[in-house]
Amino acid sequence: MLEDLGVKQLRTMPVRFADGELREVPIGEVEAEIDGHRMPILCFFGARDVPPLLGAHALEAFLLIVDPVEQELIPREAFPM
């Protein structure tokens, strides 16, 4: 999907998946929009048969947390460190 959108691979980086597997994965940068706000975010290139998902980097960029019970995104304050 990312190649179809013209997103270029910047480099690869090690990524640990939920099943514990560690793999080198190509990454790129895209501009995402949530609720009218646009931000550049990192994206991982995956297999075509894997559905896209919103990762931790995107959630942090948009200052959002996930409410798993209500299944919604909730704004949060920034924690500069």
Protein backbone atom coordinates (compact mmCIF):
# COMPACT_ATOMS: atom_id res chain seq x y z
CA MET A 1 0.00 0.00 0.00
CA LEU A 2 2.75 2.48 0.91
CA GLU A 3 4.57 1.97 -2.39
CA ASP A 4 1.28 2.62 -4.21
CA LEU A 5 1.04 5.96 -2.36
CA GLY A 6 4.58 6.91 -3.37
CA VAL A 7 6.06 6.54 0.14
CA LYS A 8 9.80 5.91 0.00
CA GLN A 9 11.68 3.61 2.35
CA LEU A 10 14.12 5.64 4.48
CA ARG A 11 15.95 2.76 6.21
CA THR A 12 15.31 -0.42 8.15
CA MET A 13 15.11 -0.76 11.91
CA PRO A 14 14.60 -3.61 14.38
CA VAL A 15 10.98 -3.99 15.44
CA ARG A 16 9.62 -6.34 18.12
CA PHE A 17 6.13 -7.57 17.36
CA ALA A 18 3.39 -8.56 19.80
CA ASP A 19 4.28 -12.24 19.39
CA GLY A 20 7.83 -11.48 20.60
CA GLU A 21 9.46 -11.84 17.18
CA LEU A 22 12.20 -9.31 16.34
CA ARG A 23 12.55 -8.38 12.65
CA GLU A 24 14.31 -5.73 10.56
CA VAL A 25 11.51 -3.72 8.95
CA PRO A 26 11.69 -0.94 6.35
CA ILE A 27 10.32 2.41 7.57
CA GLY A 28 9.18 5.57 5.84
CA GLU A 29 7.48 8.82 6.70
CA VAL A 30 3.92 9.83 5.85
CA GLU A 31 1.67 12.72 6.73
CA ALA A 32 -1.37 11.46 8.62
CA GLU A 33 -4.58 13.26 9.53
CA ILE A 34 -6.81 12.58 12.53
CA ASP A 35 -9.77 14.84 13.35
CA GLY A 36 -8.50 17.56 11.02
CA HIS A 37 -4.97 17.63 12.49
CA ARG A 38 -2.03 16.68 10.25
CA MET A 39 1.30 15.36 11.50
CA PRO A 40 4.30 13.59 9.97
CA ILE A 41 4.64 10.07 11.38
CA LEU A 42 6.88 7.06 10.89
CA CYS A 43 5.35 4.09 9.14
CA PHE A 44 6.43 0.47 8.81
CA PHE A 45 6.31 -1.28 5.46
CA GLY A 46 4.44 -4.57 5.86
CA ALA A 47 2.98 -7.32 3.74
CA ARG A 48 0.13 -6.35 1.42
CA ASP A 49 -2.26 -8.78 3.13
CA VAL A 50 -1.75 -7.19 6.58
CA PRO A 51 -4.28 -4.48 7.47
CA PRO A 52 -2.87 -1.04 8.35
CA LEU A 53 -2.90 -0.10 12.01
CA LEU A 54 -2.26 3.00 14.07
CA GLY A 55 0.95 2.52 16.05
CA ALA A 56 2.47 4.05 19.14
CA HIS A 57 4.45 6.67 17.19
CA ALA A 58 1.30 8.03 15.55
CA LEU A 59 -0.60 8.05 18.84
CA GLU A 60 2.24 9.96 20.51
CA ALA A 61 2.52 12.43 17.61
CA PHE A 62 -1.18 13.24 17.89
CA LEU A 63 -1.14 13.20 21.73
CA LEU A 64 -3.75 10.44 21.90
CA ILE A 65 -4.30 7.42 24.11
CA VAL A 66 -6.52 4.41 23.44
CA ASP A 67 -9.56 3.63 25.56
CA PRO A 68 -9.94 -0.12 24.91
CA VAL A 69 -13.29 -0.34 26.70
CA GLU A 70 -15.01 2.44 24.77
CA GLN A 71 -12.86 1.73 21.68
CA GLU A 72 -12.01 5.38 21.12
CA LEU A 73 -9.03 7.71 21.04
CA ILE A 74 -8.73 10.23 23.87
CA PRO A 75 -6.63 13.43 23.76
CA ARG A 76 -3.91 13.70 26.39
CA GLU A 77 -1.42 16.34 27.47
CA ALA A 78 2.18 16.36 26.31
CA PHE A 79 5.02 15.14 28.54
CA PRO A 80 8.19 16.83 27.27
CA MET A 81 11.25 14.93 28.42
